[in-house]
Amino acid sequence: MPLASSINLPPGAVKRAEAATRELASEYLDQIAARVQEKDFSITTVTVPGRPHEEIVRFAETEQVDIIVMCTRGHSGVSRWLIGSVADRITRSVNVPILLVRSPKDSRDTK
């Protein structure tokens, strides 16, 4: 959901927050892309505003992407077979191969 619709902030603050969020997302994706490119894979990263599942599906169809690669948080027990709601919505909505990669546990998960 776009930031402006979920937080009551002045328009200027919303624009700055959205710009900062896009910058952080781009930096994160660039780091991931650099590691993949070291293995001689061609990769393009893109950030777009909007609802993630809708924008990813729209982009994949418009740009005719070869594959969608997503990180999803792993769970234990019965719920480990379930994937996140964004990944689930995308897998049900797009006719493009999808590779779901389990997220490594971070320090919050081990406490």
N, C-alpha and C. Protein backbone atom coordinates (compact mmCIF):
# COMPACT_ATOMS: atom_id res chain seq x y z
N MET A 1 0.85 -1.17 0.00
CA MET A 1 0.00 0.00 0.00
C MET A 1 0.89 1.23 0.00
N PRO A 2 0.60 2.22 -0.80
CA PRO A 2 1.43 3.41 -0.84
C PRO A 2 1.51 4.07 0.53
N LEU A 3 2.68 4.63 0.81
CA LEU A 3 2.93 5.26 2.09
C LEU A 3 1.92 6.36 2.41
N ALA A 4 1.56 7.17 1.43
CA ALA A 4 0.67 8.31 1.67
C ALA A 4 -0.71 7.88 2.18
N SER A 5 -1.16 6.72 1.80
CA SER A 5 -2.49 6.29 2.22
C SER A 5 -2.49 5.64 3.59
N SER A 6 -1.33 5.30 4.13
CA SER A 6 -1.30 4.61 5.40
C SER A 6 -0.78 5.46 6.56
N ILE A 7 -0.21 6.60 6.26
CA ILE A 7 0.34 7.46 7.29
C ILE A 7 -0.14 8.88 7.05
N ASN A 8 -0.59 9.54 8.09
CA ASN A 8 -1.08 10.91 7.98
C ASN A 8 0.08 11.88 8.16
N LEU A 9 0.78 12.19 7.08
CA LEU A 9 1.92 13.09 7.09
C LEU A 9 1.70 14.21 6.09
N PRO A 10 2.38 15.34 6.28
CA PRO A 10 2.30 16.39 5.26
C PRO A 10 2.85 15.87 3.93
N PRO A 11 2.33 16.37 2.80
CA PRO A 11 2.76 15.87 1.49
C PRO A 11 4.27 15.89 1.28
N GLY A 12 4.94 16.92 1.75
CA GLY A 12 6.40 16.99 1.58
C GLY A 12 7.12 15.88 2.32
N ALA A 13 6.64 15.57 3.52
CA ALA A 13 7.24 14.49 4.31
C ALA A 13 6.99 13.14 3.64
N VAL A 14 5.82 12.96 3.07
CA VAL A 14 5.51 11.71 2.37
C VAL A 14 6.43 11.54 1.18
N LYS A 15 6.63 12.60 0.40
CA LYS A 15 7.52 12.52 -0.77
C LYS A 15 8.94 12.19 -0.35
N ARG A 16 9.42 12.80 0.74
CA ARG A 16 10.78 12.50 1.21
C ARG A 16 10.87 11.05 1.70
N ALA A 17 9.86 10.58 2.41
CA ALA A 17 9.86 9.20 2.89
C ALA A 17 9.82 8.21 1.72
N GLU A 18 9.00 8.50 0.72
CA GLU A 18 8.93 7.62 -0.45
C GLU A 18 10.25 7.60 -1.20
N ALA A 19 10.89 8.77 -1.33
CA ALA A 19 12.19 8.84 -2.02
C ALA A 19 13.24 8.06 -1.24
N ALA A 20 13.24 8.18 0.08
CA ALA A 20 14.20 7.44 0.90
C ALA A 20 13.95 5.94 0.79
N THR A 21 12.70 5.54 0.78
CA THR A 21 12.35 4.13 0.65
C THR A 21 12.81 3.58 -0.70
N ARG A 22 12.57 4.33 -1.78
CA ARG A 22 13.03 3.90 -3.11
C ARG A 22 14.55 3.77 -3.15
N GLU A 23 15.25 4.73 -2.52
CA GLU A 23 16.71 4.69 -2.52
C GLU A 23 17.23 3.46 -1.76
N LEU A 24 16.64 3.19 -0.60
CA LEU A 24 17.05 2.00 0.17
C LEU A 24 16.77 0.72 -0.60
N ALA A 25 15.61 0.65 -1.24
CA ALA A 25 15.26 -0.53 -2.03
C ALA A 25 16.23 -0.71 -3.20
N SER A 26 16.56 0.38 -3.87
CA SER A 26 17.49 0.31 -5.00
C SER A 26 18.87 -0.14 -4.55
N GLU A 27 19.34 0.39 -3.43
CA GLU A 27 20.65 -0.01 -2.91
C GLU A 27 20.66 -1.50 -2.56
N TYR A 28 19.60 -1.97 -1.91
CA TYR A 28 19.50 -3.39 -1.56
C TYR A 28 19.52 -4.26 -2.82
N LEU A 29 18.69 -3.90 -3.80
CA LEU A 29 18.62 -4.69 -5.03
C LEU A 29 19.94 -4.65 -5.80
N ASP A 30 20.61 -3.50 -5.80
CA ASP A 30 21.91 -3.39 -6.48
C ASP A 30 22.94 -4.33 -5.85
N GLN A 31 22.91 -4.46 -4.52
CA GLN A 31 23.84 -5.38 -3.84
C GLN A 31 23.56 -6.82 -4.24
N ILE A 32 22.28 -7.18 -4.27
CA ILE A 32 21.91 -8.54 -4.67
C ILE A 32 22.30 -8.78 -6.13
N ALA A 33 22.00 -7.81 -6.99
CA ALA A 33 22.30 -7.94 -8.42
C ALA A 33 23.80 -8.11 -8.65
N ALA A 34 24.62 -7.38 -7.91
CA ALA A 34 26.07 -7.49 -8.08
C ALA A 34 26.55 -8.90 -7.79
N ARG A 35 25.99 -9.54 -6.75
CA ARG A 35 26.38 -10.91 -6.44
C ARG A 35 25.95 -11.88 -7.52
N VAL A 36 24.78 -11.66 -8.10
CA VAL A 36 24.28 -12.54 -9.16
C VAL A 36 25.11 -12.34 -10.44
N GLN A 37 25.44 -11.10 -10.75
CA GLN A 37 26.20 -10.80 -11.96
C GLN A 37 27.61 -11.38 -11.90
N GLU A 38 28.15 -11.57 -10.70
CA GLU A 38 29.46 -12.21 -10.56
C GLU A 38 29.43 -13.64 -11.09
N LYS A 39 28.25 -14.23 -11.15
CA LYS A 39 28.08 -15.60 -11.65
C LYS A 39 27.73 -15.61 -13.14
N ASP A 40 27.91 -14.47 -13.81
CA ASP A 40 27.67 -14.31 -15.25
C ASP A 40 26.20 -14.44 -15.65
N PHE A 41 25.31 -14.00 -14.77
CA PHE A 41 23.89 -13.91 -15.10
C PHE A 41 23.56 -12.47 -15.43
N SER A 42 22.70 -12.29 -16.39
CA SER A 42 22.21 -10.95 -16.72
C SER A 42 21.00 -10.67 -15.83
N ILE A 43 21.02 -9.54 -15.16
CA ILE A 43 19.94 -9.21 -14.24
C ILE A 43 19.64 -7.72 -14.32
N THR A 44 18.36 -7.41 -14.22
CA THR A 44 17.91 -6.02 -14.19
C THR A 44 17.05 -5.85 -12.95
N THR A 45 17.30 -4.81 -12.20
CA THR A 45 16.48 -4.51 -11.03
C THR A 45 15.69 -3.24 -11.29
N VAL A 46 14.47 -3.22 -10.76
CA VAL A 46 13.58 -2.09 -10.96
C VAL A 46 12.78 -1.88 -9.68
N THR A 47 12.57 -0.64 -9.32
CA THR A 47 11.65 -0.33 -8.22
C THR A 47 10.55 0.57 -8.77
N VAL A 48 9.33 0.25 -8.38
CA VAL A 48 8.18 1.06 -8.79
C VAL A 48 7.27 1.24 -7.59
N PRO A 49 6.60 2.38 -7.50
CA PRO A 49 5.68 2.59 -6.38
C PRO A 49 4.38 1.82 -6.59
N GLY A 50 3.71 1.54 -5.51
CA GLY A 50 2.40 0.89 -5.60
C GLY A 50 2.33 -0.36 -4.74
N ARG A 51 1.27 -1.11 -4.93
CA ARG A 51 1.07 -2.36 -4.19
C ARG A 51 1.97 -3.42 -4.81
N PRO A 52 2.87 -4.00 -4.03
CA PRO A 52 3.90 -4.88 -4.60
C PRO A 52 3.37 -5.98 -5.51
N HIS A 53 2.37 -6.74 -5.08
CA HIS A 53 1.92 -7.86 -5.91
C HIS A 53 1.34 -7.37 -7.23
N GLU A 54 0.62 -6.26 -7.22
CA GLU A 54 0.04 -5.72 -8.45
C GLU A 54 1.12 -5.19 -9.39
N GLU A 55 2.09 -4.48 -8.85
CA GLU A 55 3.12 -3.87 -9.68
C GLU A 55 4.08 -4.91 -10.24
N ILE A 56 4.40 -5.93 -9.46
CA ILE A 56 5.29 -6.98 -9.97
C ILE A 56 4.63 -7.72 -11.12
N VAL A 57 3.36 -8.08 -10.96
CA VAL A 57 2.63 -8.76 -12.03
C VAL A 57 2.54 -7.87 -13.26
N ARG A 58 2.17 -6.62 -13.07
CA ARG A 58 2.05 -5.69 -14.20
C ARG A 58 3.38 -5.53 -14.93
N PHE A 59 4.45 -5.35 -14.17
CA PHE A 59 5.77 -5.18 -14.78
C PHE A 59 6.19 -6.44 -15.54
N ALA A 60 5.99 -7.61 -14.93
CA ALA A 60 6.38 -8.86 -15.58
C ALA A 60 5.67 -9.05 -16.91
N GLU A 61 4.38 -8.71 -16.94
CA GLU A 61 3.62 -8.87 -18.18
C GLU A 61 3.98 -7.81 -19.21
N THR A 62 4.14 -6.58 -18.78
CA THR A 62 4.44 -5.48 -19.70
C THR A 62 5.83 -5.62 -20.31
N GLU A 63 6.79 -5.99 -19.47
CA GLU A 63 8.19 -6.06 -19.91
C GLU A 63 8.61 -7.45 -20.40
N GLN A 64 7.70 -8.39 -20.36
CA GLN A 64 7.96 -9.76 -20.80
C GLN A 64 9.24 -10.33 -20.16
N VAL A 65 9.28 -10.31 -18.84
CA VAL A 65 10.45 -10.80 -18.13
C VAL A 65 10.58 -12.31 -18.28
N ASP A 66 11.80 -12.81 -18.14
CA ASP A 66 12.06 -14.24 -18.26
C ASP A 66 11.71 -15.00 -17.00
N ILE A 67 11.97 -14.39 -15.85
CA ILE A 67 11.73 -15.05 -14.57
C ILE A 67 11.60 -13.99 -13.48
N ILE A 68 10.80 -14.30 -12.48
CA ILE A 68 10.69 -13.45 -11.30
C ILE A 68 11.37 -14.20 -10.16
N VAL A 69 12.33 -13.56 -9.50
CA VAL A 69 13.01 -14.15 -8.37
C VAL A 69 12.64 -13.34 -7.14
N MET A 70 12.12 -14.04 -6.14
CA MET A 70 11.68 -13.37 -4.91
C MET A 70 12.23 -14.10 -3.70
N CYS A 71 12.53 -13.32 -2.68
CA CYS A 71 12.92 -13.87 -1.40
C CYS A 71 11.67 -13.95 -0.54
N THR A 72 11.48 -15.07 0.12
CA THR A 72 10.34 -15.24 1.01
C THR A 72 10.83 -15.78 2.34
N ARG A 73 10.20 -15.36 3.39
CA ARG A 73 10.63 -15.75 4.73
C ARG A 73 10.23 -17.19 5.00
N GLY A 74 11.16 -17.98 5.46
CA GLY A 74 10.88 -19.37 5.79
C GLY A 74 10.26 -19.48 7.17
N HIS A 75 9.40 -20.45 7.35
CA HIS A 75 8.75 -20.70 8.63
C HIS A 75 8.95 -22.15 9.01
N SER A 76 8.78 -22.45 10.28
CA SER A 76 8.92 -23.83 10.72
C SER A 76 7.54 -24.47 10.90
N GLY A 77 7.54 -25.77 11.06
CA GLY A 77 6.29 -26.49 11.26
C GLY A 77 5.44 -26.51 10.00
N VAL A 78 4.12 -26.67 10.22
CA VAL A 78 3.19 -26.75 9.09
C VAL A 78 3.23 -25.49 8.25
N SER A 79 3.40 -24.33 8.89
CA SER A 79 3.37 -23.07 8.15
C SER A 79 4.56 -22.91 7.22
N ARG A 80 5.59 -23.76 7.36
CA ARG A 80 6.75 -23.61 6.46
C ARG A 80 6.38 -23.89 5.01
N TRP A 81 5.28 -24.60 4.80
CA TRP A 81 4.85 -24.90 3.44
C TRP A 81 4.11 -23.73 2.81
N LEU A 82 3.77 -22.75 3.62
CA LEU A 82 3.07 -21.58 3.11
C LEU A 82 4.08 -20.50 2.75
N ILE A 83 3.75 -19.69 1.78
CA ILE A 83 4.62 -18.59 1.41
C ILE A 83 3.95 -17.29 1.77
N GLY A 84 4.69 -16.20 1.72
CA GLY A 84 4.15 -14.90 2.07
C GLY A 84 3.01 -14.48 1.16
N SER A 85 2.21 -13.56 1.64
CA SER A 85 1.02 -13.15 0.89
C SER A 85 1.38 -12.49 -0.44
N VAL A 86 2.46 -11.72 -0.50
CA VAL A 86 2.84 -11.09 -1.77
C VAL A 86 3.26 -12.18 -2.76
N ALA A 87 4.14 -13.07 -2.33
CA ALA A 87 4.58 -14.15 -3.22
C ALA A 87 3.40 -15.02 -3.64
N ASP A 88 2.51 -15.31 -2.72
CA ASP A 88 1.34 -16.13 -3.04
C ASP A 88 0.47 -15.45 -4.09
N ARG A 89 0.21 -14.18 -3.92
CA ARG A 89 -0.62 -13.45 -4.88
C ARG A 89 0.03 -13.42 -6.26
N ILE A 90 1.34 -13.27 -6.29
CA ILE A 90 2.04 -13.22 -7.58
C ILE A 90 1.99 -14.58 -8.25
N THR A 91 2.24 -15.66 -7.51
CA THR A 91 2.23 -16.99 -8.12
C THR A 91 0.87 -17.34 -8.70
N ARG A 92 -0.18 -16.77 -8.13
CA ARG A 92 -1.54 -17.04 -8.61
C ARG A 92 -1.96 -16.12 -9.76
N SER A 93 -1.15 -15.09 -10.05
CA SER A 93 -1.59 -14.07 -10.99
C SER A 93 -0.74 -13.92 -12.25
N VAL A 94 0.38 -14.58 -12.33
CA VAL A 94 1.30 -14.33 -13.44
C VAL A 94 1.64 -15.63 -14.16
N ASN A 95 1.88 -15.52 -15.45
CA ASN A 95 2.26 -16.66 -16.27
C ASN A 95 3.74 -16.62 -16.61
N VAL A 96 4.55 -16.31 -15.61
CA VAL A 96 6.00 -16.22 -15.76
C VAL A 96 6.61 -17.15 -14.72
N PRO A 97 7.68 -17.85 -15.04
CA PRO A 97 8.32 -18.69 -14.01
C PRO A 97 8.74 -17.84 -12.81
N ILE A 98 8.58 -18.41 -11.62
CA ILE A 98 8.93 -17.72 -10.39
C ILE A 98 9.87 -18.60 -9.58
N LEU A 99 10.95 -18.02 -9.12
CA LEU A 99 11.87 -18.70 -8.23
C LEU A 99 11.77 -18.04 -6.86
N LEU A 100 11.32 -18.81 -5.86
CA LEU A 100 11.21 -18.31 -4.50
C LEU A 100 12.42 -18.81 -3.73
N VAL A 101 13.14 -17.87 -3.12
CA VAL A 101 14.34 -18.18 -2.37
C VAL A 101 14.06 -17.92 -0.90
N ARG A 102 14.33 -18.88 -0.07
CA ARG A 102 14.09 -18.72 1.36
C ARG A 102 15.07 -17.71 1.94
N SER A 103 14.55 -16.79 2.72
CA SER A 103 15.36 -15.77 3.36
C SER A 103 16.17 -16.40 4.49
N PRO A 104 17.46 -16.05 4.56
CA PRO A 104 18.24 -16.57 5.70
C PRO A 104 17.71 -15.97 6.99
N LYS A 105 17.79 -16.72 8.07
CA LYS A 105 17.32 -16.21 9.35
C LYS A 105 18.17 -15.02 9.76
N ASP A 106 17.52 -14.03 10.32
CA ASP A 106 18.27 -12.90 10.85
C ASP A 106 18.30 -13.00 12.36
N SER A 107 18.98 -12.09 13.01
CA SER A 107 19.19 -12.17 14.45
C SER A 107 17.89 -12.14 15.24
N ARG A 108 16.84 -11.53 14.70
CA ARG A 108 15.56 -11.47 15.40
C ARG A 108 14.90 -12.83 15.47
N ASP A 109 15.16 -13.70 14.48
CA ASP A 109 14.53 -15.01 14.44
C ASP A 109 15.13 -15.99 15.44
N THR A 110 16.33 -15.74 15.91
CA THR A 110 17.01 -16.69 16.77
C THR A 110 16.83 -16.39 18.24
N LYS A 111 16.15 -15.34 18.59
CA LYS A 111 15.97 -14.97 20.00
C LYS A 111 14.80 -15.69 20.60
